Amino acid sequence: MMQEKDMVSDVLSMTKASMADYTKAIGCTSNQELRRVYQQLRDEAEKFQYELGKIATQKGYYTSPQNATQQDRQQLKSQLSQGMNQTTTNQGTNRGMRS
């Protein structure tokens, strides 16, 4: 039998995946009305994930990271920037191959 903690974890994971899917769909959709629908669905999923995350933390199912130091924040920012730069470079390379 599945424990409540496992169910909460599964729902949080599924919600995060949905948010990623909505974000991808937004980027691929040129129809403004459809974009608004995807944005609304993503925003609702984010709110749900945040609220369920708070409950999970209160119940002790999840321990949020301690306050990050300035160095931690800078390192994360640097890693994310590098990842974005690699993605942009790869997309440019892929586009060039299609031409």
C-alpha atoms as a PDB file:
ATOM      1  CA  MET A   1       0.000   0.000   0.000  1.00  0.00           C
ATOM      2  CA  MET A   2       1.301   3.403  -0.970  1.00  0.00           C
ATOM      3  CA  GLN A   3       2.168   5.777   1.854  1.00  0.00           C
ATOM      4  CA  GLU A   4       0.815   9.332   1.889  1.00  0.00           C
ATOM      5  CA  LYS A   5       4.369  10.655   1.631  1.00  0.00           C
ATOM      6  CA  ASP A   6       4.926   8.652  -1.573  1.00  0.00           C
ATOM      7  CA  MET A   7       1.654   9.870  -3.058  1.00  0.00           C
ATOM      8  CA  VAL A   8       2.530  13.495  -2.307  1.00  0.00           C
ATOM      9  CA  SER A   9       5.953  13.004  -3.852  1.00  0.00           C
ATOM     10  CA  ASP A  10       4.434  11.457  -6.976  1.00  0.00           C
ATOM     11  CA  VAL A  11       1.898  14.268  -7.355  1.00  0.00           C
ATOM     12  CA  LEU A  12       4.635  16.887  -6.922  1.00  0.00           C
ATOM     13  CA  SER A  13       6.757  15.163  -9.573  1.00  0.00           C
ATOM     14  CA  MET A  14       3.845  14.899 -12.001  1.00  0.00           C
ATOM     15  CA  THR A  15       2.951  18.553 -11.436  1.00  0.00           C
ATOM     16  CA  LYS A  16       6.532  19.652 -12.095  1.00  0.00           C
ATOM     17  CA  ALA A  17       6.557  17.605 -15.305  1.00  0.00           C
ATOM     18  CA  SER A  18       3.272  19.211 -16.357  1.00  0.00           C
ATOM     19  CA  MET A  19       4.698  22.671 -15.737  1.00  0.00           C
ATOM     20  CA  ALA A  20       7.673  21.815 -17.963  1.00  0.00           C
ATOM     21  CA  ASP A  21       5.338  20.515 -20.676  1.00  0.00           C
ATOM     22  CA  TYR A  22       3.195  23.659 -20.534  1.00  0.00           C
ATOM     23  CA  THR A  23       6.311  25.815 -20.781  1.00  0.00           C
ATOM     24  CA  LYS A  24       7.486  23.867 -23.845  1.00  0.00           C
ATOM     25  CA  ALA A  25       4.038  24.171 -25.428  1.00  0.00           C
ATOM     26  CA  ILE A  26       4.037  27.935 -24.828  1.00  0.00           C
ATOM     27  CA  GLY A  27       7.337  28.212 -26.671  1.00  0.00           C
ATOM     28  CA  CYS A  28       6.023  26.202 -29.616  1.00  0.00           C
ATOM     29  CA  THR A  29       2.661  27.917 -30.005  1.00  0.00           C
ATOM     30  CA  SER A  30       2.154  31.004 -32.134  1.00  0.00           C
ATOM     31  CA  ASN A  31      -1.614  31.211 -31.538  1.00  0.00           C
ATOM     32  CA  GLN A  32      -2.007  33.859 -28.827  1.00  0.00           C
ATOM     33  CA  GLU A  33      -5.231  32.426 -27.390  1.00  0.00           C
ATOM     34  CA  LEU A  34      -3.699  28.969 -27.062  1.00  0.00           C
ATOM     35  CA  ARG A  35      -0.580  30.484 -25.487  1.00  0.00           C
ATOM     36  CA  ARG A  36      -2.771  32.197 -22.873  1.00  0.00           C
ATOM     37  CA  VAL A  37      -4.485  28.901 -22.094  1.00  0.00           C
ATOM     38  CA  TYR A  38      -1.131  27.125 -21.643  1.00  0.00           C
ATOM     39  CA  GLN A  39       0.151  30.010 -19.516  1.00  0.00           C
ATOM     40  CA  GLN A  40      -2.932  29.846 -17.309  1.00  0.00           C
ATOM     41  CA  LEU A  41      -2.573  26.078 -16.909  1.00  0.00           C
ATOM     42  CA  ARG A  42       1.114  26.473 -16.058  1.00  0.00           C
ATOM     43  CA  ASP A  43       0.382  29.224 -13.532  1.00  0.00           C
ATOM     44  CA  GLU A  44      -2.307  27.099 -11.867  1.00  0.00           C
ATOM     45  CA  ALA A  45       0.059  24.118 -11.732  1.00  0.00           C
ATOM     46  CA  GLU A  46       2.768  26.309 -10.161  1.00  0.00           C
ATOM     47  CA  LYS A  47       0.354  27.521  -7.478  1.00  0.00           C
ATOM     48  CA  PHE A  48      -0.799  23.963  -6.779  1.00  0.00           C
ATOM     49  CA  GLN A  49       2.794  22.700  -6.603  1.00  0.00           C
ATOM     50  CA  TYR A  50       3.752  25.506  -4.226  1.00  0.00           C
ATOM     51  CA  GLU A  51       0.815  24.867  -1.896  1.00  0.00           C
ATOM     52  CA  LEU A  52       1.314  21.091  -1.878  1.00  0.00           C
ATOM     53  CA  GLY A  53       5.031  21.649  -1.300  1.00  0.00           C
ATOM     54  CA  LYS A  54       4.251  23.759   1.772  1.00  0.00           C
ATOM     55  CA  ILE A  55       2.012  20.986   3.132  1.00  0.00           C
ATOM     56  CA  ALA A  56       4.701  18.380   2.433  1.00  0.00           C
ATOM     57  CA  THR A  57       7.239  20.505   4.298  1.00  0.00           C
ATOM     58  CA  GLN A  58       4.867  20.982   7.260  1.00  0.00           C
ATOM     59  CA  LYS A  59       4.290  17.218   7.456  1.00  0.00           C
ATOM     60  CA  GLY A  60       8.020  16.557   7.328  1.00  0.00           C
ATOM     61  CA  TYR A  61       7.854  14.816   3.938  1.00  0.00           C
ATOM     62  CA  TYR A  62      10.235  17.315   2.417  1.00  0.00           C
ATOM     63  CA  THR A  63      13.021  19.359   3.902  1.00  0.00           C
ATOM     64  CA  SER A  64      13.661  22.568   2.053  1.00  0.00           C
ATOM     65  CA  PRO A  65      17.271  23.581   1.518  1.00  0.00           C
ATOM     66  CA  GLN A  66      18.707  25.877   4.131  1.00  0.00           C
ATOM     67  CA  ASN A  67      19.137  29.499   3.176  1.00  0.00           C
ATOM     68  CA  ALA A  68      21.659  29.677   0.406  1.00  0.00           C
ATOM     69  CA  THR A  69      24.753  31.773   0.907  1.00  0.00           C
ATOM     70  CA  GLN A  70      25.748  34.465  -1.568  1.00  0.00           C
ATOM     71  CA  GLN A  71      28.415  32.083  -2.877  1.00  0.00           C
ATOM     72  CA  ASP A  72      25.810  29.319  -3.360  1.00  0.00           C
ATOM     73  CA  ARG A  73      23.540  31.699  -5.253  1.00  0.00           C
ATOM     74  CA  GLN A  74      26.381  32.919  -7.452  1.00  0.00           C
ATOM     75  CA  GLN A  75      27.464  29.355  -8.225  1.00  0.00           C
ATOM     76  CA  LEU A  76      23.923  28.357  -9.166  1.00  0.00           C
ATOM     77  CA  LYS A  77      23.524  31.467 -11.311  1.00  0.00           C
ATOM     78  CA  SER A  78      26.790  30.657 -13.086  1.00  0.00           C
ATOM     79  CA  GLN A  79      25.746  27.033 -13.699  1.00  0.00           C
ATOM     80  CA  LEU A  80      22.364  28.082 -15.045  1.00  0.00           C
ATOM     81  CA  SER A  81      23.956  30.692 -17.304  1.00  0.00           C
ATOM     82  CA  GLN A  82      26.372  28.106 -18.677  1.00  0.00           C
ATOM     83  CA  GLY A  83      23.490  25.710 -19.312  1.00  0.00           C
ATOM     84  CA  MET A  84      21.519  28.405 -21.126  1.00  0.00           C
ATOM     85  CA  ASN A  85      24.547  29.319 -23.222  1.00  0.00           C
ATOM     86  CA  GLN A  86      25.072  25.668 -24.182  1.00  0.00           C
ATOM     87  CA  THR A  87      21.398  25.291 -25.080  1.00  0.00           C
ATOM     88  CA  THR A  88      21.488  28.411 -27.232  1.00  0.00           C
ATOM     89  CA  THR A  89      24.700  27.250 -28.930  1.00  0.00           C
ATOM     90  CA  ASN A  90      23.252  23.778 -29.570  1.00  0.00           C
ATOM     91  CA  GLN A  91      20.050  25.231 -30.980  1.00  0.00           C
ATOM     92  CA  GLY A  92      22.040  27.444 -33.318  1.00  0.00           C
ATOM     93  CA  THR A  93      24.064  24.438 -34.452  1.00  0.00           C
ATOM     94  CA  ASN A  94      20.908  22.390 -34.974  1.00  0.00           C
ATOM     95  CA  ARG A  95      19.322  25.174 -36.991  1.00  0.00           C
ATOM     96  CA  GLY A  96      22.394  25.404 -39.161  1.00  0.00           C
ATOM     97  CA  MET A  97      22.209  21.694 -39.901  1.00  0.00           C
ATOM     98  CA  ARG A  98      18.607  22.016 -41.076  1.00  0.00           C
ATOM     99  CA  SER A  99      19.371  24.720 -43.612  1.00  0.00           C
END
